[in-house]
Amino acid sequence: MSITKESELFGMQKASEAVAYTLKEMTNYAKPGMSTKELDEYGAKILADFGAKSAPYLTYGFPGWTCISVDNEFCHGIPSEKRILKDGDLINIDVSAELNGFWADNGGSFVIGEDVHQHQKLVDASKDILRKALNTIRGGVKIADIGLLIETEAKKRGYKVIKNLGGHGIGRGLHEEPGELLCYRNKGDKRRFKKNSVVAIETFISTNSSYATELNDGWTMVGERGGFMAQHEHTIVVTDGQPLILTEMNGILN
């Protein structure tokens, strides 16, 4: 969507506050020995307290309130009583929701407990690359140039990007114009970021794989060549200068 009046900005700020606070609290709550189902239900209660509705459940009938992916799972992981978190797990939580007709999305990867499997370097790379992308996005910038920046920065660090996952427009629905915002340069993409537009910017930084494939459960995605992936995501309003980061309170870049 494009912000055209103060009431729309207020609506986006409230929806973004709901998902950002939920993500932050879920991240702090996650502990070894806990099931991903328990973590999901904790997040569901927070969303409900805001009056917000789970976007993946509302839009796609996803079997959970939030997406929780662990270790080799890249995204869209289904919360389960059987999936017990362990020390050193790489976990990704993605929280998106609707509140009073406005939609917001955010996510973050982190290591639970001690970094026994050395995943923190990957997590830090994803954070740093998202930070660089956000510092570069403004009205008039080519969308493909941000994809090139993300891919170049990943390669510098010895990583790949996932080419069939990306950010997206958001606002009055979960996925809107300008469509998908990929993590690599598509030479044929002539689109530019527009001032006052609302977008969800995401990094998908991988150790081994360039594409994500769906498992038999119809939701969970893993790498076509295995390995691990870190994702970080903010919902922003594009401006003439630094973007307005609506989900900043999630603290994912801290």
Protein backbone atom coordinates (compact mmCIF):
# COMPACT_ATOMS: atom_id res chain seq x y z
CA MET A 1 0.00 0.00 0.00
CA SER A 2 0.95 3.63 -0.23
CA ILE A 3 0.48 5.87 2.81
CA THR A 4 -1.77 8.76 1.76
CA LYS A 5 -3.10 10.00 5.10
CA GLU A 6 -2.25 10.05 8.78
CA SER A 7 -4.88 7.46 9.70
CA GLU A 8 -3.22 4.92 7.40
CA LEU A 9 0.18 5.51 8.98
CA PHE A 10 -1.39 5.13 12.43
CA GLY A 11 -3.06 1.87 11.38
CA MET A 12 0.23 0.48 10.05
CA GLN A 13 2.05 1.57 13.20
CA LYS A 14 -0.43 -0.27 15.44
CA ALA A 15 -0.33 -3.48 13.37
CA SER A 16 3.47 -3.31 13.26
CA GLU A 17 3.65 -2.77 17.02
CA ALA A 18 1.61 -5.94 17.54
CA VAL A 19 3.86 -8.16 15.42
CA ALA A 20 7.09 -6.53 16.60
CA TYR A 21 6.26 -6.87 20.29
CA THR A 22 5.12 -10.48 19.75
CA LEU A 23 8.35 -11.40 17.94
CA LYS A 24 10.48 -9.77 20.63
CA GLU A 25 8.65 -11.51 23.47
CA MET A 26 8.70 -14.90 21.71
CA THR A 27 12.44 -14.56 21.10
CA ASN A 28 13.03 -13.81 24.79
CA TYR A 29 10.70 -16.64 25.88
CA ALA A 30 12.30 -19.39 23.75
CA LYS A 31 14.35 -21.81 25.84
CA PRO A 32 15.92 -25.28 25.46
CA GLY A 33 13.43 -27.99 26.45
CA MET A 34 10.42 -26.05 25.17
CA SER A 35 8.29 -27.28 22.26
CA THR A 36 7.73 -25.02 19.27
CA LYS A 37 3.99 -25.48 19.89
CA GLU A 38 4.33 -23.99 23.36
CA LEU A 39 6.30 -21.07 21.92
CA ASP A 40 3.66 -20.55 19.22
CA GLU A 41 0.81 -20.53 21.74
CA TYR A 42 2.68 -17.96 23.81
CA GLY A 43 2.89 -15.74 20.71
CA ALA A 44 -0.77 -16.35 19.89
CA LYS A 45 -1.82 -15.01 23.29
CA ILE A 46 0.19 -11.83 22.80
CA LEU A 47 -1.34 -11.24 19.35
CA ALA A 48 -4.80 -11.84 20.81
CA ASP A 49 -4.14 -9.30 23.57
CA PHE A 50 -3.50 -6.71 20.82
CA GLY A 51 -6.67 -7.79 19.03
CA ALA A 52 -4.51 -8.93 16.10
CA LYS A 53 -5.16 -11.99 13.94
CA SER A 54 -2.48 -14.35 12.64
CA ALA A 55 -1.81 -13.54 8.98
CA PRO A 56 -0.68 -17.02 7.82
CA TYR A 57 -3.71 -18.61 9.50
CA LEU A 58 -6.09 -15.97 8.15
CA THR A 59 -4.66 -15.95 4.61
CA TYR A 60 -3.61 -19.53 3.99
CA GLY A 61 -5.10 -21.63 6.77
CA PHE A 62 -1.58 -22.27 8.13
CA PRO A 63 -1.63 -24.84 10.98
CA GLY A 64 -0.17 -22.48 13.59
CA TRP A 65 -0.30 -18.84 14.65
CA THR A 66 3.31 -18.06 13.79
CA CYS A 67 5.95 -19.77 11.64
CA ILE A 68 8.73 -21.39 13.70
CA SER A 69 11.56 -23.03 11.76
CA VAL A 70 14.43 -24.90 13.42
CA ASP A 71 17.92 -25.83 12.14
CA ASN A 72 17.65 -27.18 8.55
CA GLU A 73 14.11 -25.77 8.19
CA PHE A 74 14.39 -22.50 6.27
CA CYS A 75 10.88 -21.07 6.69
CA HIS A 76 7.16 -21.82 7.21
CA GLY A 77 7.95 -24.36 9.94
CA ILE A 78 4.80 -25.74 11.60
CA PRO A 79 4.73 -25.42 15.42
CA SER A 80 4.68 -28.89 16.97
CA GLU A 81 4.53 -30.50 20.40
CA LYS A 82 7.11 -33.00 19.13
CA ARG A 83 9.72 -30.40 18.14
CA ILE A 84 11.70 -29.70 21.29
CA LEU A 85 14.22 -26.86 21.23
CA LYS A 86 17.82 -27.73 22.14
CA ASP A 87 20.88 -25.75 23.16
CA GLY A 88 22.57 -24.32 20.06
CA ASP A 89 19.54 -24.65 17.75
CA LEU A 90 19.21 -22.10 14.97
CA ILE A 91 15.62 -20.91 15.16
CA ASN A 92 13.61 -18.55 12.99
CA ILE A 93 10.35 -16.97 14.13
CA ASP A 94 8.19 -15.15 11.59
CA VAL A 95 5.23 -13.18 12.93
CA SER A 96 2.71 -11.52 10.64
CA ALA A 97 -0.76 -10.32 11.55
CA GLU A 98 -3.80 -8.24 10.65
CA LEU A 99 -5.13 -5.53 12.97
CA ASN A 100 -8.10 -3.32 12.08
CA GLY A 101 -7.60 -3.88 8.35
CA PHE A 102 -3.83 -3.30 8.34
CA TRP A 103 -1.19 -6.01 7.92
CA ALA A 104 2.41 -6.14 9.15
CA ASP A 105 5.18 -8.73 8.98
CA ASN A 106 8.51 -9.32 10.71
CA GLY A 107 10.89 -12.14 11.48
CA GLY A 108 14.26 -12.99 12.91
CA SER A 109 16.74 -15.84 13.29
CA PHE A 110 18.73 -16.45 16.46
CA VAL A 111 20.64 -19.14 18.34
CA ILE A 112 19.09 -20.66 21.47
CA GLY A 113 21.40 -20.93 24.44
CA GLU A 114 25.09 -21.55 23.76
CA ASP A 115 26.27 -21.36 20.13
CA VAL A 116 27.59 -24.94 20.11
CA HIS A 117 27.14 -25.35 16.34
CA GLN A 118 28.63 -21.96 15.34
CA HIS A 119 25.45 -20.56 13.76
CA GLN A 120 25.92 -17.05 15.19
CA LYS A 121 28.20 -15.96 12.34
CA LEU A 122 25.40 -16.68 9.84
CA VAL A 123 22.84 -14.87 12.01
CA ASP A 124 25.12 -11.82 12.31
CA ALA A 125 25.67 -11.76 8.53
CA SER A 126 21.92 -11.71 7.90
CA LYS A 127 21.44 -8.88 10.40
CA ASP A 128 24.26 -6.81 8.95
CA ILE A 129 23.03 -7.27 5.38
CA LEU A 130 19.49 -6.22 6.30
CA ARG A 131 20.93 -3.15 8.04
CA LYS A 132 22.86 -2.23 4.87
CA ALA A 133 19.78 -2.74 2.69
CA LEU A 134 17.64 -0.54 4.93
CA ASN A 135 20.29 2.19 4.85
CA THR A 136 20.15 2.18 1.03
CA ILE A 137 16.40 1.98 0.33
CA ARG A 138 14.66 5.24 -0.57
CA GLY A 139 12.20 6.45 -3.16
CA GLY A 140 13.56 6.07 -6.70
CA VAL A 141 16.11 3.34 -5.89
CA LYS A 142 15.89 0.32 -8.19
CA ILE A 143 14.47 -2.76 -6.47
CA ALA A 144 16.97 -4.91 -8.38
CA ASP A 145 19.85 -2.86 -6.96
CA ILE A 146 18.85 -3.78 -3.41
CA GLY A 147 18.73 -7.42 -4.52
CA LEU A 148 22.25 -7.02 -5.91
CA LEU A 149 23.43 -5.45 -2.65
CA ILE A 150 22.03 -8.34 -0.58
CA GLU A 151 23.58 -10.97 -2.85
CA THR A 152 26.96 -9.19 -3.06
CA GLU A 153 27.19 -8.78 0.71
CA ALA A 154 26.27 -12.44 1.23
CA LYS A 155 28.98 -13.59 -1.21
CA LYS A 156 31.58 -11.39 0.53
CA ARG A 157 30.94 -13.37 3.68
CA GLY A 158 31.02 -16.76 1.96
CA TYR A 159 27.25 -17.25 1.87
CA LYS A 160 24.50 -17.60 -0.73
CA VAL A 161 21.03 -16.10 -1.02
CA ILE A 162 17.79 -18.01 -1.50
CA LYS A 163 16.51 -17.01 -4.93
CA ASN A 164 12.89 -18.12 -4.63
CA LEU A 165 12.11 -16.31 -1.38
CA GLY A 166 11.90 -12.57 -0.90
CA GLY A 167 10.32 -9.56 0.69
CA HIS A 168 7.05 -8.07 -0.54
CA GLY A 169 4.65 -5.17 -0.52
CA ILE A 170 2.26 -5.15 2.43
CA GLY A 171 -0.42 -3.00 4.07
CA ARG A 172 -4.04 -3.83 3.26
CA GLY A 173 -3.09 -7.46 2.64
CA LEU A 174 -0.17 -9.74 3.47
CA HIS A 175 1.31 -9.65 -0.04
CA GLU A 176 0.79 -6.59 -2.24
CA GLU A 177 2.43 -4.46 -4.92
CA PRO A 178 5.20 -3.98 -5.86
CA GLY A 179 5.27 -7.78 -5.60
CA GLU A 180 8.27 -9.88 -4.61
CA LEU A 181 11.49 -8.18 -3.51
CA LEU A 182 14.18 -10.74 -4.29
CA CYS A 183 17.58 -11.14 -2.65
CA TYR A 184 19.50 -11.04 -5.93
CA ARG A 185 19.66 -8.85 -9.01
CA ASN A 186 17.08 -9.64 -11.66
CA LYS A 187 18.45 -7.70 -14.64
CA GLY A 188 15.02 -7.45 -16.27
CA ASP A 189 13.41 -5.87 -13.20
CA LYS A 190 12.91 -2.15 -13.88
CA ARG A 191 10.78 -1.44 -10.79
CA ARG A 192 11.80 1.24 -8.31
CA PHE A 193 10.88 1.82 -4.69
CA LYS A 194 8.17 4.45 -4.38
CA LYS A 195 8.08 7.09 -1.66
CA ASN A 196 5.35 6.42 0.96
CA SER A 197 4.97 2.76 -0.09
CA VAL A 198 4.94 0.06 2.61
CA VAL A 199 7.14 -3.00 2.09
CA ALA A 200 8.48 -5.91 4.10
CA ILE A 201 12.23 -6.21 3.50
CA GLU A 202 13.74 -9.65 4.15
CA THR A 203 17.15 -11.28 3.94
CA PHE A 204 17.46 -15.01 3.19
CA ILE A 205 21.13 -15.85 3.76
CA SER A 206 22.22 -19.46 3.31
CA THR A 207 25.26 -21.66 3.88
CA ASN A 208 24.75 -24.21 1.08
CA SER A 209 21.55 -23.74 -0.88
CA SER A 210 20.25 -21.26 -3.45
CA TYR A 211 16.65 -22.49 -3.55
CA ALA A 212 14.09 -23.54 -0.95
CA THR A 213 11.94 -26.60 -1.55
CA GLU A 214 8.74 -27.64 0.20
CA LEU A 215 8.53 -30.75 2.38
CA ASN A 216 5.67 -33.26 2.22
CA ASP A 217 3.79 -31.42 4.98
CA GLY A 218 2.92 -28.80 2.35
CA TRP A 219 4.43 -25.90 4.32
CA THR A 220 7.95 -26.30 5.70
CA MET A 221 10.74 -25.31 3.32
CA VAL A 222 14.34 -26.56 3.36
CA GLY A 223 17.35 -25.95 1.12
CA GLU A 224 17.71 -27.94 -2.09
CA ARG A 225 21.32 -28.59 -1.08
CA GLY A 226 20.74 -28.65 2.66
CA GLY A 227 22.59 -26.41 5.07
CA PHE A 228 21.22 -23.58 7.19
CA MET A 229 19.59 -20.23 6.57
CA ALA A 230 19.11 -17.01 8.56
CA GLN A 231 16.31 -14.51 7.88
CA HIS A 232 15.61 -11.05 9.27
CA GLU A 233 12.67 -8.88 8.29
CA HIS A 234 11.27 -5.42 8.95
CA THR A 235 8.11 -3.72 7.70
CA ILE A 236 9.03 -0.20 6.54
CA VAL A 237 7.66 2.93 4.90
CA VAL A 238 9.86 4.14 2.04
CA THR A 239 10.82 7.85 2.24
CA ASP A 240 13.18 10.27 0.48
CA GLY A 241 15.80 9.42 3.09
CA GLN A 242 16.12 6.72 5.75
CA PRO A 243 13.02 4.50 5.78
CA LEU A 244 10.56 4.58 8.65
CA ILE A 245 11.04 1.16 10.28
CA LEU A 246 7.58 0.32 11.61
CA THR A 247 8.67 -2.90 13.35
CA GLU A 248 11.83 -1.43 14.91
CA MET A 249 10.80 -2.35 18.46
CA ASN A 250 11.34 -6.06 17.69
CA GLY A 251 15.05 -5.45 18.31
CA ILE A 252 16.18 -7.99 15.68
CA LEU A 253 19.15 -5.87 14.59
CA ASN A 254 20.44 -5.36 18.15
